Amino acid sequence: MNRFGLIGRNISYSLSKKIHEGIARMNGYRLVYDIYDCETELDVVARLNQLRQGSIKGLNVTIPYKESVMRYCDRLTDTAKEIGAVNTLYMIDNELVGDNTDYYGFIKLLNLYHVNPKGKVSYILGSGGAAKAVNYALKSLGAKPVVVSRDKERIKDQFQLVANYEVLDIVPQIDIMVNTTPIGTSPRGDQMPVSKSIAQKTVVAIDLIYNPKETALMKTASFGIGGATMLVGQAMKAQAIWLDRVIDESKEAFDALVEEMHS
């Protein structure tokens, strides 16, 4: 049976196994998906070698390896190059390919919730691999993404528009805010990456956290969207690539998988 998995650090909490095996079941086939907790990059390289040797057929990548794993790839897709981060790995013609499906998952989230970011200033909290994918997706949809960091100087060469958190105090209204930081993750679900006053003037808050299902940021903003939909969307795209098959991406399929994640 085909074996796939997720590499990252401190990821025993991950729901990716449940999601990927659920996608397979709903589409009428089976696969095995494992969580590979990698303490160091040496652990990552060991899993990549399994992928090269064929005992693993595909890998997803999460924090903190989405950027560092790029150096081990034989080639990158245009999307991964443009984003500057990799979350999906597979072999083609004996070459390790680094790809990115996070941006696809984020666009699916926007579509399913009927959020049109075109022409809107959108603030992205955090500057890691997920932020890069969100930034890419928003730009492709005609938005004006601003990446917000506590150290704007450090990231100014990585993004077109950057700002410190202080800018959020100044703007009268925030049309779209996307949290890519881990602040607010269970068991600290009562925490927010911004102050209550900033959250209250946010029209749409998209929190890529999926545990808890509804974060404090989502509750405080006018309208909140959780990260489960993006997680499912990027997983569906990864499986479509790995297995070269069409995956059911209907709203019903998304709803069923998101519900299963939180059951």
Protein backbone atom coordinates (compact mmCIF):
# COMPACT_ATOMS: atom_id res chain seq x y z
CA MET A 1 0.00 0.00 0.00
CA ASN A 2 1.24 3.50 -0.83
CA ARG A 3 2.78 5.28 2.18
CA PHE A 4 2.90 9.04 2.65
CA GLY A 5 3.61 11.33 5.58
CA LEU A 6 4.29 14.67 7.21
CA ILE A 7 7.68 15.96 8.36
CA GLY A 8 7.99 18.72 10.95
CA ARG A 9 9.03 19.32 14.56
CA ASN A 10 6.78 18.78 17.59
CA ILE A 11 3.88 17.69 15.39
CA SER A 12 2.38 14.80 17.34
CA TYR A 13 -0.84 16.88 17.55
CA SER A 14 -1.20 16.97 13.75
CA LEU A 15 -4.50 15.96 12.17
CA SER A 16 -2.91 15.34 8.77
CA LYS A 17 -3.14 11.55 9.12
CA LYS A 18 -6.88 11.78 9.74
CA ILE A 19 -7.32 14.22 6.82
CA HIS A 20 -5.28 12.32 4.22
CA GLU A 21 -6.67 8.91 5.06
CA GLY A 22 -10.15 10.48 5.11
CA ILE A 23 -9.65 11.97 1.62
CA ALA A 24 -8.59 8.57 0.33
CA ARG A 25 -11.57 6.80 1.90
CA MET A 26 -14.06 9.35 0.52
CA ASN A 27 -12.58 8.91 -2.96
CA GLY A 28 -12.72 5.13 -2.90
CA TYR A 29 -9.11 4.07 -2.29
CA ARG A 30 -6.73 3.51 0.60
CA LEU A 31 -3.34 4.82 1.64
CA VAL A 32 -1.22 5.01 4.79
CA TYR A 33 -0.19 8.43 6.11
CA ASP A 34 2.24 8.79 9.00
CA ILE A 35 3.43 11.68 11.18
CA TYR A 36 7.23 11.92 11.19
CA ASP A 37 8.39 14.14 14.03
CA CYS A 38 11.87 15.34 13.01
CA GLU A 39 13.91 16.88 15.81
CA THR A 40 16.77 17.91 13.50
CA GLU A 41 17.48 18.33 9.80
CA LEU A 42 19.35 15.02 9.92
CA ASP A 43 15.99 13.40 10.72
CA VAL A 44 14.48 15.25 7.76
CA VAL A 45 17.22 14.00 5.42
CA ALA A 46 16.58 10.42 6.59
CA ARG A 47 12.91 10.73 5.54
CA LEU A 48 13.90 12.33 2.23
CA ASN A 49 16.15 9.36 1.57
CA GLN A 50 13.17 7.05 2.11
CA LEU A 51 11.28 9.13 -0.45
CA ARG A 52 14.18 8.86 -2.91
CA GLN A 53 14.34 5.09 -2.37
CA GLY A 54 10.60 4.65 -2.89
CA SER A 55 9.52 3.33 0.52
CA ILE A 56 7.64 6.63 0.98
CA LYS A 57 5.73 7.92 -2.07
CA GLY A 58 5.18 11.53 -1.00
CA LEU A 59 5.74 13.91 1.91
CA ASN A 60 4.20 17.06 3.28
CA VAL A 61 6.36 19.58 5.14
CA THR A 62 5.41 21.83 8.04
CA ILE A 63 7.04 24.08 10.66
CA PRO A 64 9.98 24.66 10.83
CA TYR A 65 11.23 23.02 7.63
CA LYS A 66 9.19 24.61 4.80
CA GLU A 67 12.09 26.82 3.76
CA SER A 68 15.15 24.81 4.80
CA VAL A 69 13.96 21.68 2.95
CA MET A 70 14.32 23.55 -0.35
CA ARG A 71 18.08 23.06 -0.37
CA TYR A 72 17.65 19.28 -0.51
CA CYS A 73 15.39 19.32 -3.57
CA ASP A 74 16.75 18.52 -7.02
CA ARG A 75 14.26 20.96 -8.49
CA LEU A 76 11.45 23.24 -7.44
CA THR A 77 8.17 23.91 -9.20
CA ASP A 78 7.64 27.47 -10.41
CA THR A 79 5.08 27.95 -7.64
CA ALA A 80 7.49 26.83 -4.90
CA LYS A 81 10.22 29.09 -6.33
CA GLU A 82 7.88 32.08 -6.44
CA ILE A 83 6.58 31.49 -2.91
CA GLY A 84 9.97 30.63 -1.43
CA ALA A 85 8.65 27.68 0.59
CA VAL A 86 7.86 23.98 0.06
CA ASN A 87 5.10 21.95 1.70
CA THR A 88 4.84 19.00 -0.72
CA LEU A 89 7.55 16.62 -1.93
CA TYR A 90 7.56 13.84 -4.53
CA MET A 91 9.80 12.11 -7.05
CA ILE A 92 9.75 12.61 -10.83
CA ASP A 93 12.37 10.94 -13.08
CA ASN A 94 14.60 10.17 -10.08
CA GLU A 95 14.54 13.81 -9.00
CA LEU A 96 13.22 15.09 -5.68
CA VAL A 97 10.68 17.81 -6.51
CA GLY A 98 9.69 20.55 -4.05
CA ASP A 99 6.18 21.92 -4.58
CA ASN A 100 3.71 24.12 -2.69
CA THR A 101 -0.01 23.43 -2.29
CA ASP A 102 -0.58 25.76 0.68
CA TYR A 103 -1.48 28.65 -1.63
CA TYR A 104 -4.07 26.44 -3.35
CA GLY A 105 -5.63 25.52 -0.01
CA PHE A 106 -5.84 29.18 0.94
CA ILE A 107 -7.54 30.12 -2.34
CA LYS A 108 -10.05 27.28 -1.82
CA LEU A 109 -10.78 28.68 1.64
CA LEU A 110 -11.47 32.15 0.22
CA ASN A 111 -13.71 30.70 -2.50
CA LEU A 112 -15.73 28.49 -0.15
CA TYR A 113 -16.38 31.42 2.21
CA HIS A 114 -17.02 33.87 -0.65
CA VAL A 115 -14.23 36.24 0.39
CA ASN A 116 -13.04 38.42 -2.50
CA PRO A 117 -9.77 40.16 -1.57
CA LYS A 118 -9.33 42.00 -4.88
CA GLY A 119 -8.17 45.57 -4.31
CA LYS A 120 -8.21 45.18 -0.52
CA VAL A 121 -5.29 45.78 1.81
CA SER A 122 -4.84 42.46 3.62
CA TYR A 123 -2.63 42.12 6.68
CA ILE A 124 -0.71 38.86 7.15
CA LEU A 125 0.56 38.22 10.67
CA GLY A 126 3.84 36.28 10.66
CA SER A 127 6.51 35.80 8.00
CA GLY A 128 7.23 32.04 7.76
CA GLY A 129 6.43 29.52 5.04
CA ALA A 130 2.65 29.74 5.48
CA ALA A 131 2.78 33.55 5.31
CA LYS A 132 4.71 33.31 2.04
CA ALA A 133 2.03 31.06 0.52
CA VAL A 134 -0.79 33.35 1.71
CA ASN A 135 1.06 36.40 0.38
CA TYR A 136 1.44 34.71 -3.02
CA ALA A 137 -2.22 33.69 -3.13
CA LEU A 138 -3.50 37.15 -2.18
CA LYS A 139 -1.29 38.86 -4.77
CA SER A 140 -2.52 36.45 -7.46
CA LEU A 141 -6.11 37.46 -6.60
CA GLY A 142 -5.40 41.18 -6.90
CA ALA A 143 -5.18 42.02 -3.18
CA LYS A 144 -2.57 44.24 -1.55
CA PRO A 145 -0.99 42.03 1.11
CA VAL A 146 1.10 43.58 3.88
CA VAL A 147 3.22 41.18 5.95
CA VAL A 148 3.30 42.24 9.60
CA SER A 149 6.29 41.30 11.73
CA ARG A 150 7.90 42.32 15.00
CA ASP A 151 11.14 42.68 13.02
CA LYS A 152 10.25 44.26 9.72
CA GLU A 153 13.91 44.92 8.83
CA ARG A 154 14.67 41.20 8.90
CA ILE A 155 12.01 40.34 6.30
CA LYS A 156 11.95 43.45 4.08
CA ASP A 157 13.83 41.65 1.28
CA GLN A 158 11.41 38.69 1.30
CA PHE A 159 8.12 40.53 0.74
CA GLN A 160 6.96 43.51 -1.31
CA LEU A 161 5.11 45.24 1.55
CA VAL A 162 6.08 44.84 5.21
CA ALA A 163 5.11 46.63 8.41
CA ASN A 164 5.52 46.49 12.17
CA TYR A 165 2.54 45.62 14.38
CA GLU A 166 2.15 49.31 15.31
CA VAL A 167 0.59 49.98 11.91
CA LEU A 168 -2.48 47.98 12.98
CA ASP A 169 -3.21 50.54 15.70
CA ILE A 170 -3.28 53.35 13.16
CA VAL A 171 -5.56 52.03 10.41
CA PRO A 172 -9.27 52.72 11.09
CA GLN A 173 -10.51 49.39 9.67
CA ILE A 174 -8.88 46.11 8.66
CA ASP A 175 -10.72 44.45 5.78
CA ILE A 176 -8.83 41.15 5.91
CA MET A 177 -6.39 39.83 8.50
CA VAL A 178 -4.68 36.44 8.21
CA ASN A 179 -2.96 34.94 11.25
CA THR A 180 -0.14 32.58 10.26
CA THR A 181 1.47 32.62 13.73
CA PRO A 182 0.83 29.86 16.32
CA ILE A 183 -0.56 32.35 18.87
CA GLY A 184 -4.00 31.15 19.95
CA THR A 185 -3.36 27.45 19.45
CA SER A 186 -4.84 25.06 22.04
CA PRO A 187 -4.29 24.88 25.00
CA ARG A 188 -3.80 28.68 24.83
CA GLY A 189 -6.92 29.29 22.79
CA ASP A 190 -7.76 32.44 24.74
CA GLN A 191 -4.68 34.27 23.41
CA MET A 192 -4.65 36.52 20.33
CA PRO A 193 -1.76 37.74 18.16
CA VAL A 194 -3.19 41.29 18.31
CA SER A 195 -5.04 43.39 20.87
CA LYS A 196 -8.80 43.15 21.34
CA SER A 197 -9.30 46.63 19.84
CA ILE A 198 -7.46 45.61 16.65
CA ALA A 199 -9.44 42.37 16.37
CA GLN A 200 -12.71 44.27 16.86
CA LYS A 201 -12.06 46.54 13.87
CA THR A 202 -11.24 43.56 11.63
CA VAL A 203 -13.98 42.69 9.14
CA VAL A 204 -12.69 39.23 8.14
CA ALA A 205 -10.18 37.39 10.33
CA ILE A 206 -8.73 34.19 8.83
CA ASP A 207 -6.85 32.19 11.44
CA LEU A 208 -4.77 29.35 10.02
CA ILE A 209 -4.94 27.67 13.42
CA TYR A 210 -7.38 24.74 13.35
CA ASN A 211 -7.26 23.73 17.02
CA PRO A 212 -9.38 25.14 18.63
CA LYS A 213 -12.02 25.19 15.92
CA GLU A 214 -12.86 28.81 16.81
CA THR A 215 -10.00 30.94 18.13
CA ALA A 216 -10.31 34.10 20.23
CA LEU A 217 -9.33 36.14 17.16
CA MET A 218 -12.14 34.60 15.12
CA LYS A 219 -14.68 35.27 17.89
CA THR A 220 -13.66 38.91 18.29
CA ALA A 221 -13.57 39.94 14.62
CA SER A 222 -16.77 40.68 12.70
CA PHE A 223 -16.40 37.42 10.78
CA GLY A 224 -13.94 34.61 11.55
CA ILE A 225 -12.72 31.72 9.42
CA GLY A 226 -10.59 28.85 10.80
CA GLY A 227 -7.64 27.13 9.17
CA ALA A 228 -9.18 23.67 8.76
CA THR A 229 -10.47 24.41 5.25
CA MET A 230 -7.03 25.48 4.04
CA LEU A 231 -5.47 22.38 5.59
CA VAL A 232 -7.94 20.14 3.80
CA GLY A 233 -7.51 22.03 0.52
CA GLN A 234 -3.74 21.75 0.45
CA ALA A 235 -4.00 18.05 1.35
CA MET A 236 -6.44 17.40 -1.50
CA LYS A 237 -4.10 19.10 -3.97
CA ALA A 238 -1.09 17.16 -2.66
CA GLN A 239 -2.91 13.84 -3.11
CA ALA A 240 -4.02 14.80 -6.61
CA ILE A 241 -0.35 15.39 -7.48
CA TRP A 242 1.02 12.31 -5.72
CA LEU A 243 -1.53 9.91 -7.20
CA ASP A 244 -2.19 11.74 -10.49
CA ARG A 245 -5.93 11.50 -10.01
CA VAL A 246 -8.96 13.76 -9.66
CA ILE A 247 -10.02 14.37 -6.04
CA ASP A 248 -13.56 15.34 -5.02
CA GLU A 249 -13.30 19.02 -4.03
CA SER A 250 -17.01 19.73 -3.61
CA LYS A 251 -18.20 21.81 -0.68
CA GLU A 252 -19.79 18.65 0.71
CA ALA A 253 -16.41 16.87 0.67
CA PHE A 254 -14.75 19.81 2.42
CA ASP A 255 -17.51 20.05 5.03
CA ALA A 256 -17.34 16.32 5.77
CA LEU A 257 -13.57 16.35 6.22
CA VAL A 258 -13.55 19.49 8.36
CA GLU A 259 -16.26 17.98 10.55
CA GLU A 260 -14.27 14.74 10.83
CA MET A 261 -11.15 16.70 11.84
CA HIS A 262 -12.92 18.13 14.86
CA SER A 263 -14.79 14.97 15.88
